[in-house]
C-alpha cells in the first residue's frame, strides 16, 4: 500500500502508451474520420482538441478504474492527466517535447499528485 502512488502513476503511463498505440497505429484512419466528424459538429479546432482530450481522459478512467477496481483512482487519474495535457499544451505551446520528455513530464507530475494523496 505504501507504493500505491507509484503503481497508479506507472499504470497511467502504460495506459497513455496504450492509448497512443491504439489511436495512432491501430485505428488511425477511424480516429481521423472521427476527428473530422467532431470538428464539423463543433466547428472549432479548440473544441475538437478538447473533445479529444476528454475522450482520452475517459479511456484512462476506464483503464485505471478496472486495474485498481476503484472509481476514485480512475477519476483522479483521468482528471490529473487531462489537466496536465491541457496545461502543457496551453503553456508550452511552442516548445516541442519529444515522446520521452512528454512521458517524463506526465510521470513526474502524476507521481507527485498521487504521492500527495496516497503516499502518506
Protein backbone atom coordinates (compact mmCIF):
# COMPACT_ATOMS: atom_id res chain seq x y z
CA UNK A 1 0.00 0.00 0.00
CA UNK A 2 2.96 2.32 0.58
CA UNK A 3 3.76 2.40 -3.14
CA UNK A 4 0.19 2.77 -4.38
CA UNK A 5 1.01 6.26 -5.69
CA UNK A 6 3.84 4.77 -7.80
CA UNK A 7 1.70 1.95 -9.17
CA UNK A 8 -1.05 4.39 -10.16
CA UNK A 9 1.43 6.68 -11.96
CA UNK A 10 3.02 3.67 -13.65
CA UNK A 11 -0.30 2.21 -14.83
CA UNK A 12 -1.35 5.67 -16.03
CA UNK A 13 1.88 5.93 -18.05
CA UNK A 14 1.24 2.48 -19.53
CA UNK A 15 -2.37 3.46 -20.25
CA UNK A 16 -1.15 6.58 -22.08
CA UNK A 17 1.22 4.49 -24.18
CA UNK A 18 -1.54 2.00 -24.97
CA UNK A 19 -3.89 4.86 -25.89
CA UNK A 20 -1.28 6.28 -28.25
CA UNK A 21 -0.70 2.88 -29.87
CA UNK A 22 -4.43 2.22 -30.31
CA UNK A 23 -5.28 5.67 -31.64
CA UNK A 24 -2.32 6.36 -33.91
CA UNK A 25 -1.33 2.87 -35.00
CA UNK A 26 -4.37 0.59 -34.87
CA UNK A 27 -7.32 2.93 -35.51
CA UNK A 28 -5.57 5.91 -37.11
CA UNK A 29 -7.92 6.22 -40.09
CA UNK A 30 -11.02 5.82 -37.92
CA UNK A 31 -9.72 8.39 -35.44
CA UNK A 32 -9.00 10.89 -38.22
CA UNK A 33 -12.55 10.44 -39.55
CA UNK A 34 -13.95 10.75 -36.01
CA UNK A 35 -11.92 13.94 -35.59
CA UNK A 36 -13.44 15.29 -38.80
CA UNK A 37 -16.95 14.45 -37.60
CA UNK A 38 -16.29 16.09 -34.24
CA UNK A 39 -14.77 19.13 -35.92
CA UNK A 40 -17.76 19.55 -38.22
CA UNK A 41 -20.07 19.24 -35.20
CA UNK A 42 -18.33 21.80 -33.01
CA UNK A 43 -16.86 23.86 -35.88
CA UNK A 44 -13.81 24.74 -33.81
CA UNK A 45 -10.24 23.46 -33.62
CA UNK A 46 -10.09 24.15 -29.89
CA UNK A 47 -13.40 22.36 -29.32
CA UNK A 48 -12.21 19.36 -31.33
CA UNK A 49 -8.97 19.25 -29.34
CA UNK A 50 -10.83 19.47 -26.01
CA UNK A 51 -13.17 16.65 -27.03
CA UNK A 52 -10.13 14.56 -28.00
CA UNK A 53 -8.62 15.22 -24.57
CA UNK A 54 -11.90 14.30 -22.86
CA UNK A 55 -12.10 11.04 -24.84
CA UNK A 56 -8.52 10.27 -23.80
CA UNK A 57 -9.38 11.04 -20.17
CA UNK A 58 -12.37 8.68 -20.43
CA UNK A 59 -10.04 5.97 -21.73
CA UNK A 60 -7.68 6.46 -18.76
CA UNK A 61 -10.64 6.48 -16.36
CA UNK A 62 -11.84 3.13 -17.70
CA UNK A 63 -8.39 1.52 -17.66
CA UNK A 64 -7.37 2.69 -14.19
CA UNK A 65 -10.78 2.02 -12.66
CA UNK A 66 -10.60 -1.53 -14.00
CA UNK A 67 -6.99 -2.17 -12.97
CA UNK A 68 -7.38 -0.84 -9.42
CA UNK A 69 -11.10 -1.67 -9.06
CA UNK A 70 -11.61 1.87 -7.82
CA UNK A 71 -13.69 4.63 -9.35
CA UNK A 72 -11.86 7.16 -7.18
CA UNK A 73 -8.48 6.24 -8.64
CA UNK A 74 -9.94 6.23 -12.16
CA UNK A 75 -11.45 9.68 -11.72
CA UNK A 76 -8.32 11.15 -10.14
CA UNK A 77 -6.04 9.62 -12.78
CA UNK A 78 -8.18 10.83 -15.67
CA UNK A 79 -8.51 14.28 -14.12
CA UNK A 80 -4.80 14.84 -13.43
CA UNK A 81 -3.85 13.51 -16.86
CA UNK A 82 -6.41 15.79 -18.52
CA UNK A 83 -5.19 18.82 -16.55
CA UNK A 84 -1.56 18.12 -17.44
CA UNK A 85 -2.35 17.62 -21.14
CA UNK A 86 -4.37 20.82 -21.35
CA UNK A 87 -1.86 22.82 -19.28
CA UNK A 88 1.26 21.84 -21.14
CA UNK A 89 -0.45 22.41 -24.48
CA UNK A 90 -1.54 25.90 -23.44
CA UNK A 91 1.58 27.00 -21.55
CA UNK A 92 4.27 25.19 -23.55
CA UNK A 93 2.70 25.52 -26.98
CA UNK A 94 5.90 26.47 -28.73
CA UNK A 95 8.24 24.04 -27.03
CA UNK A 96 8.19 20.71 -28.78
CA UNK A 97 8.60 17.89 -26.29
CA UNK A 98 9.71 14.59 -27.72
CA UNK A 99 7.96 11.39 -26.65
CA UNK A 100 10.30 10.65 -23.72
CA UNK A 101 10.15 14.23 -22.40
CA UNK A 102 6.36 14.23 -22.70
CA UNK A 103 6.04 10.93 -20.80
CA UNK A 104 8.56 12.07 -18.17
CA UNK A 105 6.65 15.32 -17.60
CA UNK A 106 3.44 13.40 -17.07
CA UNK A 107 5.03 10.75 -14.87
CA UNK A 108 6.72 13.25 -12.56
CA UNK A 109 3.67 15.45 -12.06
CA UNK A 110 1.31 12.48 -11.73
CA UNK A 111 3.66 10.82 -9.26
CA UNK A 112 3.80 13.95 -7.11
CA UNK A 113 0.00 14.27 -7.28
CA UNK A 114 -0.63 10.68 -6.22
CA UNK A 115 2.18 10.79 -3.67
CA UNK A 116 0.43 13.72 -2.03
CA UNK A 117 -2.82 11.74 -1.89
CA UNK A 118 -1.73 8.15 -1.26
CA UNK A 119 1.88 8.44 -0.16
CA UNK A 120 1.19 9.47 3.40
